[in-house]
């Protein structure tokens, strides 16, 4: 399965838009995400692998696979990490998102994180020049 950058961005936004410092499976469902969908678990695992989301207290995201391969969820508080907030903030910059969508959708999540960060820094440096001149 490949990373869907639109899904990824929307997923991160659902975390960020929580009224609390964390969200959970119930809230993500209300935001339109089907936790039984393979795309959901795939993107959640990718974000966990990169340290962008984590369980708020004990590092268990609340899912398990039964011996028969069925996905079972327990409601757990989930949060974006500092790195997760930085990543979605970078993706929310329209000039960054346009470049990611145009030229980097086939890249790995690590590459997309680095590209978004470097683009955001580059654009910030350009804006900073007017204050330093």
Foldseek 3Di string as FASTA:
>chain_A
DAQDVVVLLLQLVLQVPDPDQWDKPVSVVVSPDDCQDPNNVVSVVLCVVVQQKAFPPDRDNAWDADPVRHIDGDITTMHTDPLNVVQSVLCPPVVLVVCCVPPPRRDDPVVNSVSSVVVVVVVVVVVVVVVVD
